[in-house]
Structures are given as structure tokens and as C-alpha cells.
Amino acid sequence: MPPKAKKKKKGKKKGDDSDPAEPTEKEILLKKELETLTEELNGVKRRVEELRKENEWLQEETQRTKVESHEYMSYMSKKAHKRQSTIITLSDQNQQEIRNIQKQKEEMLEDFEKKKQGLRDTLMSRETELAKVKKELDELQEFKVLREQQIATIEQLEGEELELRAQHTRNHPEIKKSISNRKERISKRLTGQDPGGGQGSQ
């Protein structure tokens, strides 16, 4: 008798499961994790956009510095050439001025090369960081797709389980009828034993 009572309890649970149920704890956790991943993905996208703009600015700054340096060097060269071509006899002062101009030119070239190298190093560093962020973005996107597939699979399996339970109930109505008749017979027997309990014990 106790095993039959357990089966009845399980039947009640199955009946309860067929009703629309609230999301399970696992589904809630998966949903929260998906929302967190979505926020992280948006953050990475914003970071990529910032790095891309900064990279464009560095490239423009490098180009502008090249143009300015070239214009200044051209101006200084023309100035030095003009002085050399117009002045036949140069005084010591003029010669010193030319040397100063030449020195300034060399110093500017050296400074320009240093600045250009610094910008190049910064640009390479940004490109490396950008590639790393893009890789992280791709990994997060793949993980998000996997989570969505897992959630869809869980929902599909739950739907199949409910359908199987419904089919089982529709295809086996005689089981319910047999159980009901059996319960009725047991109830009648118990009622018949109440007056003559001694005979029941024999």
C-alpha cells in the first residue's frame, strides 16, 4: 500500500507541472548572466569605438606634424639658400647665423624624428590593444550565442516533456479508470470491515 500512495503523490506533482510554471532558478541565473554579458559586450563595443577614434586622431596628428615640419624645413632651406646666394661676402656674424640656422634645422629634424617615433610607438600600442579588444569582443559574442542556443534547447526540451506527458494522459485513460475503481473497492472493503473487525483480522 505505501508504494501506491507514493505513486498518487507523484501523479499530483505531474499535474502541477503541466500548469504554466514560473521561471526556474536556473533559467533566472541564465537570464541574468545573459544580461551581464550583453552589458559587457556593449562596454567593449564602446571601448573599441573610442580606440578607433583615438587611432584616427593619432594618424591625423602624425600627418599634420609631418606637413608642418616639411613646410618649416622648406622655409629654412629657402632662407639659407637666399642668404647664401645674395650675400657675396659674408661676415663672421652672417656665417654664425647660418650655422645657427643649420643647427636649428638639425635639432628640429632630430626632434621631429623622436616625435614621429613616439607617435608610431603609440599607434602600434593602440593597434595591439584594439586587436585584443576585438578578440575579446568576438569571444563574448560566441559565448552569448552559445548561451542563447542552450536556453533555446532547454525550452525545447521542456516543451517536449510537457507534450509527452499530455500524450501519455490522452493515450491511457483506462489507467485512470482502473485506479479510480480500485480506490472505490478498497474504500468499500474498509467500510465493510468496521463493524466486524475480528473477521478482517482472521
N, C-alpha and C. Protein backbone atom coordinates (compact mmCIF):
# COMPACT_ATOMS: atom_id res chain seq x y z
N MET A 1 0.80 -1.23 0.00
CA MET A 1 0.00 0.00 0.00
C MET A 1 0.83 1.28 0.00
N PRO A 2 1.92 1.42 0.82
CA PRO A 2 2.71 2.67 0.80
C PRO A 2 3.25 3.03 -0.57
N PRO A 3 3.79 2.06 -1.37
CA PRO A 3 4.27 2.44 -2.72
C PRO A 3 3.18 3.03 -3.57
N LYS A 4 1.92 2.50 -3.48
CA LYS A 4 0.83 3.04 -4.27
C LYS A 4 0.53 4.47 -3.86
N ALA A 5 0.64 4.77 -2.57
CA ALA A 5 0.40 6.13 -2.10
C ALA A 5 1.42 7.07 -2.69
N LYS A 6 2.68 6.63 -2.80
CA LYS A 6 3.74 7.48 -3.39
C LYS A 6 3.43 7.78 -4.84
N LYS A 7 2.95 6.77 -5.58
CA LYS A 7 2.62 6.99 -6.98
C LYS A 7 1.54 8.04 -7.13
N LYS A 8 0.55 8.03 -6.22
CA LYS A 8 -0.50 9.04 -6.28
C LYS A 8 0.06 10.43 -6.07
N LYS A 9 1.00 10.56 -5.15
CA LYS A 9 1.62 11.87 -4.90
C LYS A 9 2.39 12.35 -6.13
N LYS A 10 3.12 11.42 -6.77
CA LYS A 10 3.85 11.80 -7.98
C LYS A 10 2.89 12.24 -9.07
N GLY A 11 1.76 11.60 -9.15
CA GLY A 11 0.77 11.98 -10.15
C GLY A 11 0.31 13.41 -9.94
N LYS A 12 0.12 13.77 -8.69
CA LYS A 12 -0.28 15.15 -8.38
C LYS A 12 0.79 16.13 -8.81
N LYS A 13 2.07 15.76 -8.58
CA LYS A 13 3.17 16.66 -8.98
C LYS A 13 3.20 16.84 -10.48
N LYS A 14 2.97 15.73 -11.21
CA LYS A 14 2.96 15.84 -12.67
C LYS A 14 1.84 16.75 -13.13
N GLY A 15 0.72 16.64 -12.47
CA GLY A 15 -0.40 17.51 -12.81
C GLY A 15 -0.05 18.97 -12.58
N ASP A 16 0.63 19.21 -11.47
CA ASP A 16 1.06 20.59 -11.18
C ASP A 16 2.04 21.08 -12.21
N ASP A 17 2.96 20.19 -12.68
CA ASP A 17 3.98 20.61 -13.66
C ASP A 17 3.34 21.02 -14.98
N SER A 18 2.15 20.44 -15.30
CA SER A 18 1.53 20.76 -16.58
C SER A 18 1.00 22.19 -16.59
N ASP A 19 0.76 22.79 -15.43
CA ASP A 19 0.31 24.18 -15.38
C ASP A 19 1.47 25.11 -15.74
N PRO A 20 1.14 26.31 -16.22
CA PRO A 20 2.22 27.28 -16.50
C PRO A 20 3.03 27.55 -15.24
N ALA A 21 4.34 27.26 -15.32
CA ALA A 21 5.20 27.40 -14.13
C ALA A 21 6.03 28.68 -14.23
N GLU A 22 6.38 29.17 -13.06
CA GLU A 22 7.27 30.33 -13.02
C GLU A 22 8.67 29.91 -13.46
N PRO A 23 9.52 30.86 -13.93
CA PRO A 23 10.89 30.51 -14.36
C PRO A 23 11.64 29.83 -13.22
N THR A 24 12.40 28.81 -13.60
CA THR A 24 13.22 28.11 -12.60
C THR A 24 14.41 28.96 -12.21
N GLU A 25 15.06 28.55 -11.12
CA GLU A 25 16.24 29.28 -10.66
C GLU A 25 17.35 29.26 -11.71
N LYS A 26 17.47 28.12 -12.38
CA LYS A 26 18.49 28.02 -13.44
C LYS A 26 18.20 28.98 -14.58
N GLU A 27 16.90 29.07 -14.96
CA GLU A 27 16.53 29.99 -16.04
C GLU A 27 16.78 31.44 -15.63
N ILE A 28 16.49 31.76 -14.39
CA ILE A 28 16.73 33.13 -13.90
C ILE A 28 18.21 33.46 -13.92
N LEU A 29 19.05 32.50 -13.47
CA LEU A 29 20.50 32.71 -13.46
C LEU A 29 21.03 32.87 -14.88
N LEU A 30 20.54 32.04 -15.80
CA LEU A 30 20.97 32.14 -17.20
C LEU A 30 20.57 33.49 -17.80
N LYS A 31 19.37 33.94 -17.45
CA LYS A 31 18.91 35.23 -17.96
C LYS A 31 19.76 36.36 -17.42
N LYS A 32 20.08 36.32 -16.13
CA LYS A 32 20.93 37.35 -15.53
C LYS A 32 22.32 37.33 -16.15
N GLU A 33 22.84 36.13 -16.36
CA GLU A 33 24.18 36.00 -16.96
C GLU A 33 24.18 36.55 -18.39
N LEU A 34 23.10 36.31 -19.12
CA LEU A 34 23.00 36.83 -20.48
C LEU A 34 22.93 38.35 -20.47
N GLU A 35 22.20 38.92 -19.51
CA GLU A 35 22.12 40.38 -19.41
C GLU A 35 23.48 40.97 -19.07
N THR A 36 24.21 40.30 -18.16
CA THR A 36 25.55 40.77 -17.80
C THR A 36 26.48 40.74 -19.00
N LEU A 37 26.42 39.65 -19.75
CA LEU A 37 27.27 39.52 -20.95
C LEU A 37 26.91 40.58 -21.98
N THR A 38 25.62 40.88 -22.10
CA THR A 38 25.19 41.90 -23.05
C THR A 38 25.75 43.26 -22.65
N GLU A 39 25.71 43.58 -21.34
CA GLU A 39 26.28 44.85 -20.87
C GLU A 39 27.79 44.91 -21.12
N GLU A 40 28.47 43.79 -20.85
CA GLU A 40 29.92 43.75 -21.11
C GLU A 40 30.21 43.92 -22.59
N LEU A 41 29.40 43.30 -23.42
CA LEU A 41 29.59 43.40 -24.86
C LEU A 41 29.41 44.83 -25.33
N ASN A 42 28.40 45.52 -24.82
CA ASN A 42 28.19 46.92 -25.17
C ASN A 42 29.35 47.79 -24.70
N GLY A 43 29.87 47.49 -23.50
CA GLY A 43 31.02 48.23 -22.98
C GLY A 43 32.25 48.05 -23.86
N VAL A 44 32.47 46.82 -24.30
CA VAL A 44 33.63 46.55 -25.17
C VAL A 44 33.46 47.26 -26.51
N LYS A 45 32.22 47.29 -27.03
CA LYS A 45 31.96 47.99 -28.29
C LYS A 45 32.27 49.48 -28.15
N ARG A 46 31.86 50.06 -27.02
CA ARG A 46 32.16 51.48 -26.80
C ARG A 46 33.67 51.71 -26.71
N ARG A 47 34.35 50.78 -26.06
CA ARG A 47 35.81 50.90 -25.93
C ARG A 47 36.49 50.80 -27.28
N VAL A 48 36.01 49.90 -28.13
CA VAL A 48 36.57 49.76 -29.48
C VAL A 48 36.38 51.05 -30.26
N GLU A 49 35.18 51.65 -30.15
CA GLU A 49 34.90 52.89 -30.88
C GLU A 49 35.81 54.01 -30.39
N GLU A 50 36.04 54.11 -29.07
CA GLU A 50 36.94 55.13 -28.53
C GLU A 50 38.37 54.94 -29.04
N LEU A 51 38.82 53.70 -29.03
CA LEU A 51 40.17 53.42 -29.52
C LEU A 51 40.29 53.72 -31.00
N ARG A 52 39.24 53.43 -31.76
CA ARG A 52 39.28 53.72 -33.19
C ARG A 52 39.39 55.22 -33.44
N LYS A 53 38.62 56.02 -32.69
CA LYS A 53 38.69 57.47 -32.84
C LYS A 53 40.06 58.00 -32.42
N GLU A 54 40.58 57.45 -31.32
CA GLU A 54 41.90 57.88 -30.86
C GLU A 54 42.98 57.51 -31.88
N ASN A 55 42.83 56.36 -32.51
CA ASN A 55 43.77 55.93 -33.54
C ASN A 55 43.72 56.88 -34.73
N GLU A 56 42.52 57.27 -35.14
CA GLU A 56 42.39 58.22 -36.25
C GLU A 56 43.01 59.57 -35.89
N TRP A 57 42.82 59.99 -34.65
CA TRP A 57 43.41 61.26 -34.23
C TRP A 57 44.93 61.20 -34.27
N LEU A 58 45.50 60.09 -33.81
CA LEU A 58 46.96 59.94 -33.82
C LEU A 58 47.50 59.97 -35.25
N GLN A 59 46.80 59.33 -36.16
CA GLN A 59 47.24 59.33 -37.55
C GLN A 59 47.18 60.74 -38.14
N GLU A 60 46.11 61.46 -37.84
CA GLU A 60 45.98 62.84 -38.32
C GLU A 60 47.06 63.73 -37.71
N GLU A 61 47.34 63.53 -36.42
CA GLU A 61 48.37 64.32 -35.75
C GLU A 61 49.74 64.05 -36.36
N THR A 62 50.01 62.79 -36.67
CA THR A 62 51.29 62.45 -37.30
C THR A 62 51.43 63.11 -38.66
N GLN A 63 50.35 63.06 -39.44
CA GLN A 63 50.38 63.67 -40.77
C GLN A 63 50.54 65.18 -40.67
N ARG A 64 49.84 65.80 -39.72
CA ARG A 64 49.95 67.26 -39.56
C ARG A 64 51.36 67.67 -39.15
N THR A 65 51.96 66.88 -38.25
CA THR A 65 53.33 67.18 -37.82
C THR A 65 54.31 67.06 -38.98
N LYS A 66 54.10 66.04 -39.82
CA LYS A 66 54.98 65.89 -40.99
C LYS A 66 54.87 67.10 -41.92
N VAL A 67 53.64 67.54 -42.17
CA VAL A 67 53.42 68.67 -43.08
C VAL A 67 54.04 69.94 -42.51
N GLU A 68 53.80 70.20 -41.22
CA GLU A 68 54.36 71.41 -40.60
C GLU A 68 55.88 71.38 -40.61
N SER A 69 56.45 70.25 -40.29
CA SER A 69 57.91 70.14 -40.28
C SER A 69 58.49 70.31 -41.68
N HIS A 70 57.81 69.73 -42.66
CA HIS A 70 58.29 69.86 -44.03
C HIS A 70 58.22 71.31 -44.49
N GLU A 71 57.12 71.99 -44.15
CA GLU A 71 56.99 73.40 -44.54
C GLU A 71 58.05 74.26 -43.87
N TYR A 72 58.30 74.00 -42.60
CA TYR A 72 59.31 74.79 -41.89
C TYR A 72 60.70 74.51 -42.44
N MET A 73 60.99 73.24 -42.71
CA MET A 73 62.30 72.90 -43.27
C MET A 73 62.49 73.53 -44.64
N SER A 74 61.41 73.55 -45.43
CA SER A 74 61.49 74.18 -46.74
C SER A 74 61.74 75.67 -46.62
N TYR A 75 61.03 76.28 -45.64
CA TYR A 75 61.23 77.71 -45.41
C TYR A 75 62.65 78.01 -44.96
N MET A 76 63.17 77.23 -44.03
CA MET A 76 64.52 77.45 -43.54
C MET A 76 65.56 77.21 -44.63
N SER A 77 65.31 76.18 -45.45
CA SER A 77 66.25 75.91 -46.54
C SER A 77 66.26 77.05 -47.56
N LYS A 78 65.05 77.54 -47.90
CA LYS A 78 64.98 78.67 -48.83
C LYS A 78 65.65 79.92 -48.26
N LYS A 79 65.43 80.11 -46.96
CA LYS A 79 66.03 81.27 -46.30
C LYS A 79 67.56 81.18 -46.32
N ALA A 80 68.07 79.99 -45.99
CA ALA A 80 69.52 79.80 -46.00
C ALA A 80 70.08 79.94 -47.42
N HIS A 81 69.35 79.37 -48.40
CA HIS A 81 69.81 79.46 -49.78
C HIS A 81 69.81 80.90 -50.28
N LYS A 82 68.76 81.64 -49.88
CA LYS A 82 68.68 83.05 -50.30
C LYS A 82 69.83 83.86 -49.73
N ARG A 83 70.14 83.62 -48.49
CA ARG A 83 71.25 84.34 -47.87
C ARG A 83 72.57 84.00 -48.55
N GLN A 84 72.70 82.70 -48.85
CA GLN A 84 73.96 82.29 -49.46
C GLN A 84 74.11 82.84 -50.88
N SER A 85 72.99 82.97 -51.60
CA SER A 85 73.06 83.44 -52.99
C SER A 85 73.12 84.95 -53.11
N THR A 86 72.58 85.70 -52.16
CA THR A 86 72.54 87.16 -52.25
C THR A 86 73.74 87.83 -51.59
N ILE A 87 74.31 87.19 -50.62
CA ILE A 87 75.44 87.80 -49.92
C ILE A 87 76.73 87.19 -50.46
N ILE A 88 77.52 87.99 -51.08
CA ILE A 88 78.78 87.50 -51.66
C ILE A 88 79.84 87.39 -50.58
N THR A 89 79.96 88.43 -49.84
CA THR A 89 80.95 88.45 -48.77
C THR A 89 80.21 88.34 -47.45
N LEU A 90 80.42 87.25 -46.80
CA LEU A 90 79.73 87.02 -45.53
C LEU A 90 80.63 87.41 -44.38
N SER A 91 80.04 88.12 -43.46
CA SER A 91 80.78 88.47 -42.27
C SER A 91 80.75 87.30 -41.30
N ASP A 92 81.54 87.41 -40.30
CA ASP A 92 81.55 86.36 -39.27
C ASP A 92 80.17 86.21 -38.63
N GLN A 93 79.50 87.34 -38.51
CA GLN A 93 78.18 87.30 -37.90
C GLN A 93 77.19 86.53 -38.77
N ASN A 94 77.25 86.79 -40.09
CA ASN A 94 76.36 86.09 -41.00
C ASN A 94 76.67 84.59 -41.05
N GLN A 95 77.95 84.29 -41.04
CA GLN A 95 78.34 82.88 -41.03
C GLN A 95 77.83 82.17 -39.76
N GLN A 96 77.92 82.90 -38.64
CA GLN A 96 77.42 82.32 -37.39
C GLN A 96 75.91 82.11 -37.44
N GLU A 97 75.24 83.07 -38.09
CA GLU A 97 73.79 82.95 -38.21
C GLU A 97 73.41 81.73 -39.05
N ILE A 98 74.17 81.52 -40.12
CA ILE A 98 73.92 80.35 -40.96
C ILE A 98 74.15 79.07 -40.17
N ARG A 99 75.22 79.10 -39.40
CA ARG A 99 75.49 77.91 -38.58
C ARG A 99 74.36 77.68 -37.57
N ASN A 100 73.87 78.79 -37.00
CA ASN A 100 72.76 78.65 -36.05
C ASN A 100 71.51 78.08 -36.73
N ILE A 101 71.27 78.59 -37.96
CA ILE A 101 70.11 78.08 -38.69
C ILE A 101 70.27 76.60 -39.00
N GLN A 102 71.48 76.24 -39.41
CA GLN A 102 71.74 74.84 -39.71
C GLN A 102 71.58 73.97 -38.46
N LYS A 103 72.07 74.52 -37.35
CA LYS A 103 71.94 73.80 -36.10
C LYS A 103 70.47 73.63 -35.71
N GLN A 104 69.71 74.71 -35.88
CA GLN A 104 68.27 74.64 -35.58
C GLN A 104 67.58 73.61 -36.47
N LYS A 105 68.01 73.61 -37.73
CA LYS A 105 67.44 72.65 -38.67
C LYS A 105 67.71 71.21 -38.22
N GLU A 106 68.95 70.96 -37.83
CA GLU A 106 69.31 69.61 -37.38
C GLU A 106 68.57 69.24 -36.10
N GLU A 107 68.46 70.23 -35.19
CA GLU A 107 67.75 69.96 -33.95
C GLU A 107 66.26 69.68 -34.21
N MET A 108 65.70 70.44 -35.14
CA MET A 108 64.28 70.22 -35.47
C MET A 108 64.07 68.86 -36.12
N LEU A 109 65.00 68.49 -37.00
CA LEU A 109 64.90 67.17 -37.62
C LEU A 109 65.00 66.06 -36.58
N GLU A 110 65.93 66.24 -35.65
CA GLU A 110 66.09 65.23 -34.60
C GLU A 110 64.84 65.17 -33.72
N ASP A 111 64.31 66.35 -33.37
CA ASP A 111 63.10 66.39 -32.55
C ASP A 111 61.91 65.79 -33.30
N PHE A 112 61.85 66.09 -34.60
CA PHE A 112 60.76 65.54 -35.40
C PHE A 112 60.83 64.02 -35.46
N GLU A 113 62.04 63.48 -35.63
CA GLU A 113 62.20 62.03 -35.69
C GLU A 113 61.79 61.37 -34.37
N LYS A 114 62.17 62.01 -33.27
CA LYS A 114 61.78 61.48 -31.96
C LYS A 114 60.26 61.50 -31.79
N LYS A 115 59.67 62.63 -32.17
CA LYS A 115 58.22 62.75 -32.03
C LYS A 115 57.50 61.75 -32.95
N LYS A 116 58.03 61.60 -34.17
CA LYS A 116 57.43 60.66 -35.11
C LYS A 116 57.53 59.23 -34.58
N GLN A 117 58.69 58.89 -33.99
CA GLN A 117 58.87 57.56 -33.44
C GLN A 117 57.92 57.32 -32.26
N GLY A 118 57.79 58.39 -31.43
CA GLY A 118 56.87 58.27 -30.29
C GLY A 118 55.43 58.04 -30.74
N LEU A 119 55.01 58.80 -31.77
CA LEU A 119 53.66 58.62 -32.30
C LEU A 119 53.49 57.23 -32.93
N ARG A 120 54.55 56.76 -33.59
CA ARG A 120 54.49 55.44 -34.21
C ARG A 120 54.36 54.34 -33.14
N ASP A 121 55.15 54.50 -32.05
CA ASP A 121 55.06 53.52 -30.96
C ASP A 121 53.67 53.53 -30.32
N THR A 122 53.15 54.75 -30.13
CA THR A 122 51.81 54.87 -29.54
C THR A 122 50.76 54.24 -30.45
N LEU A 123 50.91 54.49 -31.76
CA LEU A 123 49.97 53.94 -32.73
C LEU A 123 50.02 52.41 -32.72
N MET A 124 51.21 51.84 -32.68
CA MET A 124 51.35 50.38 -32.65
C MET A 124 50.73 49.80 -31.38
N SER A 125 50.95 50.52 -30.26
CA SER A 125 50.39 50.06 -28.99
C SER A 125 48.86 50.07 -29.04
N ARG A 126 48.30 51.13 -29.62
CA ARG A 126 46.84 51.24 -29.73
C ARG A 126 46.30 50.16 -30.66
N GLU A 127 47.01 49.89 -31.74
CA GLU A 127 46.56 48.85 -32.67
C GLU A 127 46.57 47.48 -31.99
N THR A 128 47.62 47.23 -31.18
CA THR A 128 47.68 45.96 -30.45
C THR A 128 46.52 45.84 -29.47
N GLU A 129 46.26 46.93 -28.75
CA GLU A 129 45.17 46.92 -27.79
C GLU A 129 43.82 46.76 -28.49
N LEU A 130 43.69 47.41 -29.66
CA LEU A 130 42.46 47.31 -30.43
C LEU A 130 42.23 45.88 -30.89
N ALA A 131 43.30 45.22 -31.35
CA ALA A 131 43.18 43.82 -31.78
C ALA A 131 42.77 42.92 -30.61
N LYS A 132 43.34 43.20 -29.43
CA LYS A 132 43.00 42.42 -28.25
C LYS A 132 41.53 42.59 -27.88
N VAL A 133 41.07 43.85 -27.93
CA VAL A 133 39.67 44.13 -27.59
C VAL A 133 38.73 43.47 -28.61
N LYS A 134 39.11 43.52 -29.88
CA LYS A 134 38.29 42.87 -30.91
C LYS A 134 38.20 41.37 -30.67
N LYS A 135 39.32 40.78 -30.25
CA LYS A 135 39.33 39.34 -29.95
C LYS A 135 38.39 39.04 -28.78
N GLU A 136 38.47 39.87 -27.73
CA GLU A 136 37.57 39.69 -26.58
C GLU A 136 36.11 39.85 -27.00
N LEU A 137 35.89 40.81 -27.90
CA LEU A 137 34.53 41.04 -28.38
C LEU A 137 34.00 39.82 -29.12
N ASP A 138 34.85 39.23 -29.97
CA ASP A 138 34.44 38.03 -30.71
C ASP A 138 34.15 36.87 -29.76
N GLU A 139 35.00 36.71 -28.72
CA GLU A 139 34.79 35.63 -27.76
C GLU A 139 33.49 35.81 -26.98
N LEU A 140 33.21 37.06 -26.59
CA LEU A 140 31.97 37.34 -25.86
C LEU A 140 30.75 37.10 -26.76
N GLN A 141 30.89 37.44 -28.03
CA GLN A 141 29.79 37.23 -28.96
C GLN A 141 29.50 35.74 -29.13
N GLU A 142 30.59 34.94 -29.25
CA GLU A 142 30.42 33.49 -29.37
C GLU A 142 29.77 32.90 -28.11
N PHE A 143 30.20 33.39 -26.94
CA PHE A 143 29.64 32.90 -25.69
C PHE A 143 28.17 33.27 -25.57
N LYS A 144 27.82 34.46 -26.02
CA LYS A 144 26.43 34.89 -25.97
C LYS A 144 25.57 34.01 -26.87
N VAL A 145 26.06 33.72 -28.07
CA VAL A 145 25.32 32.85 -29.00
C VAL A 145 25.14 31.47 -28.40
N LEU A 146 26.20 30.94 -27.75
CA LEU A 146 26.13 29.62 -27.13
C LEU A 146 25.08 29.60 -26.02
N ARG A 147 25.05 30.64 -25.20
CA ARG A 147 24.06 30.73 -24.12
C ARG A 147 22.64 30.76 -24.69
N GLU A 148 22.46 31.54 -25.74
CA GLU A 148 21.14 31.62 -26.35
C GLU A 148 20.70 30.25 -26.90
N GLN A 149 21.66 29.54 -27.50
CA GLN A 149 21.35 28.20 -28.01
C GLN A 149 20.99 27.25 -26.87
N GLN A 150 21.73 27.34 -25.75
CA GLN A 150 21.44 26.49 -24.60
C GLN A 150 20.05 26.77 -24.04
N ILE A 151 19.71 28.05 -23.92
CA ILE A 151 18.39 28.42 -23.40
C ILE A 151 17.29 27.92 -24.33
N ALA A 152 17.52 28.07 -25.65
CA ALA A 152 16.53 27.58 -26.62
C ALA A 152 16.36 26.07 -26.52
N THR A 153 17.49 25.35 -26.33
CA THR A 153 17.43 23.89 -26.20
C THR A 153 16.65 23.48 -24.95
N ILE A 154 16.90 24.17 -23.83
CA ILE A 154 16.20 23.88 -22.58
C ILE A 154 14.69 24.09 -22.75
N GLU A 155 14.33 25.22 -23.38
CA GLU A 155 12.91 25.49 -23.59
C GLU A 155 12.27 24.43 -24.50
N GLN A 156 13.03 24.01 -25.53
CA GLN A 156 12.50 22.98 -26.43
C GLN A 156 12.28 21.66 -25.71
N LEU A 157 13.27 21.27 -24.88
CA LEU A 157 13.15 20.02 -24.12
C LEU A 157 11.99 20.07 -23.13
N GLU A 158 11.81 21.22 -22.48
CA GLU A 158 10.69 21.35 -21.55
C GLU A 158 9.35 21.23 -22.29
N GLY A 159 9.29 21.84 -23.49
CA GLY A 159 8.07 21.74 -24.28
C GLY A 159 7.79 20.31 -24.70
N GLU A 160 8.87 19.59 -25.09
CA GLU A 160 8.70 18.18 -25.47
C GLU A 160 8.24 17.33 -24.28
N GLU A 161 8.78 17.65 -23.09
CA GLU A 161 8.39 16.90 -21.90
C GLU A 161 6.90 17.11 -21.59
N LEU A 162 6.43 18.35 -21.69
CA LEU A 162 5.02 18.62 -21.44
C LEU A 162 4.14 17.92 -22.47
N GLU A 163 4.59 17.90 -23.72
CA GLU A 163 3.82 17.24 -24.77
C GLU A 163 3.74 15.74 -24.54
N LEU A 164 4.87 15.14 -24.12
CA LEU A 164 4.88 13.70 -23.83
C LEU A 164 3.93 13.36 -22.68
N ARG A 165 3.93 14.23 -21.65
CA ARG A 165 3.02 13.99 -20.53
C ARG A 165 1.56 14.08 -20.98
N ALA A 166 1.28 15.06 -21.83
CA ALA A 166 -0.09 15.22 -22.32
C ALA A 166 -0.50 14.02 -23.16
N GLN A 167 0.41 13.54 -24.03
CA GLN A 167 0.11 12.36 -24.85
C GLN A 167 -0.12 11.13 -23.98
N HIS A 168 0.70 10.99 -22.94
CA HIS A 168 0.56 9.84 -22.05
C HIS A 168 -0.82 9.85 -21.38
N THR A 169 -1.25 11.05 -20.98
CA THR A 169 -2.56 11.16 -20.33
C THR A 169 -3.70 10.86 -21.31
N ARG A 170 -3.57 11.34 -22.55
CA ARG A 170 -4.62 11.10 -23.55
C ARG A 170 -4.68 9.64 -23.99
N ASN A 171 -3.52 9.00 -24.11
CA ASN A 171 -3.44 7.64 -24.65
C ASN A 171 -3.75 6.56 -23.62
N HIS A 172 -3.79 6.90 -22.34
CA HIS A 172 -4.01 5.88 -21.31
C HIS A 172 -5.12 6.31 -20.34
N PRO A 173 -6.32 6.60 -20.83
CA PRO A 173 -7.42 6.96 -19.90
C PRO A 173 -7.87 5.77 -19.07
N GLU A 174 -7.67 4.52 -19.62
CA GLU A 174 -8.12 3.34 -18.87
C GLU A 174 -7.34 3.17 -17.58
N ILE A 175 -6.09 3.68 -17.56
CA ILE A 175 -5.29 3.58 -16.33
C ILE A 175 -5.96 4.39 -15.22
N LYS A 176 -6.39 5.59 -15.56
CA LYS A 176 -7.07 6.43 -14.56
C LYS A 176 -8.36 5.74 -14.08
N LYS A 177 -9.11 5.14 -15.04
CA LYS A 177 -10.36 4.49 -14.68
C LYS A 177 -10.11 3.30 -13.76
N SER A 178 -9.07 2.51 -14.05
CA SER A 178 -8.73 1.35 -13.24
C SER A 178 -8.34 1.77 -11.83
N ILE A 179 -7.53 2.83 -11.75
CA ILE A 179 -7.10 3.32 -10.43
C ILE A 179 -8.31 3.81 -9.63
N SER A 180 -9.24 4.51 -10.31
CA SER A 180 -10.43 5.01 -9.62
C SER A 180 -11.29 3.86 -9.10
N ASN A 181 -11.48 2.80 -9.93
CA ASN A 181 -12.27 1.64 -9.50
C ASN A 181 -11.61 0.93 -8.33
N ARG A 182 -10.30 0.84 -8.42
CA ARG A 182 -9.56 0.15 -7.34
C ARG A 182 -9.70 0.90 -6.02
N LYS A 183 -9.59 2.22 -6.11
CA LYS A 183 -9.74 3.04 -4.90
C LYS A 183 -11.15 2.86 -4.31
N GLU A 184 -12.15 2.77 -5.19
CA GLU A 184 -13.53 2.60 -4.73
C GLU A 184 -13.72 1.26 -4.02
N ARG A 185 -13.14 0.17 -4.60
CA ARG A 185 -13.26 -1.15 -3.99
C ARG A 185 -12.58 -1.19 -2.62
N ILE A 186 -11.38 -0.58 -2.55
CA ILE A 186 -10.65 -0.54 -1.28
C ILE A 186 -11.45 0.22 -0.23
N SER A 187 -12.06 1.33 -0.65
CA SER A 187 -12.86 2.13 0.28
C SER A 187 -14.06 1.33 0.79
N LYS A 188 -14.70 0.56 -0.11
CA LYS A 188 -15.85 -0.26 0.31
C LYS A 188 -15.43 -1.36 1.27
N ARG A 189 -14.28 -1.97 0.99
CA ARG A 189 -13.78 -3.02 1.88
C ARG A 189 -13.51 -2.48 3.28
N LEU A 190 -12.86 -1.33 3.33
CA LEU A 190 -12.57 -0.72 4.63
C LEU A 190 -13.85 -0.39 5.37
N THR A 191 -14.85 0.07 4.65
CA THR A 191 -16.14 0.40 5.27
C THR A 191 -16.83 -0.86 5.76
N GLY A 192 -16.71 -1.97 5.02
CA GLY A 192 -17.34 -3.22 5.42
C GLY A 192 -16.65 -3.87 6.59
N GLN A 193 -15.39 -3.60 6.85
CA GLN A 193 -14.62 -4.20 7.94
C GLN A 193 -14.86 -3.48 9.26
N ASP A 194 -15.38 -2.27 9.27
CA ASP A 194 -15.54 -1.51 10.50
C ASP A 194 -16.43 -2.24 11.52
N PRO A 195 -17.61 -2.80 11.10
CA PRO A 195 -18.45 -3.48 12.11
C PRO A 195 -17.84 -4.78 12.58
N GLY A 196 -17.26 -5.56 11.69
CA GLY A 196 -16.72 -6.88 12.08
C GLY A 196 -15.24 -6.91 11.95
N GLY A 197 -14.52 -6.15 12.74
CA GLY A 197 -13.07 -6.06 12.64
C GLY A 197 -12.39 -7.37 12.91
N GLY A 198 -13.04 -8.29 13.74
CA GLY A 198 -12.42 -9.57 14.08
C GLY A 198 -12.25 -10.42 12.85
N GLN A 199 -13.30 -10.46 11.95
CA GLN A 199 -13.23 -11.27 10.75
C GLN A 199 -12.16 -10.78 9.82
N GLY A 200 -11.98 -9.47 9.78
CA GLY A 200 -10.94 -8.93 8.92
C GLY A 200 -9.59 -9.33 9.38
N SER A 201 -9.40 -9.51 10.74
CA SER A 201 -8.07 -9.87 11.23
C SER A 201 -7.76 -11.31 10.95
N GLN A 202 -8.85 -12.21 10.86
CA GLN A 202 -8.63 -13.60 10.54
C GLN A 202 -8.20 -13.72 9.10
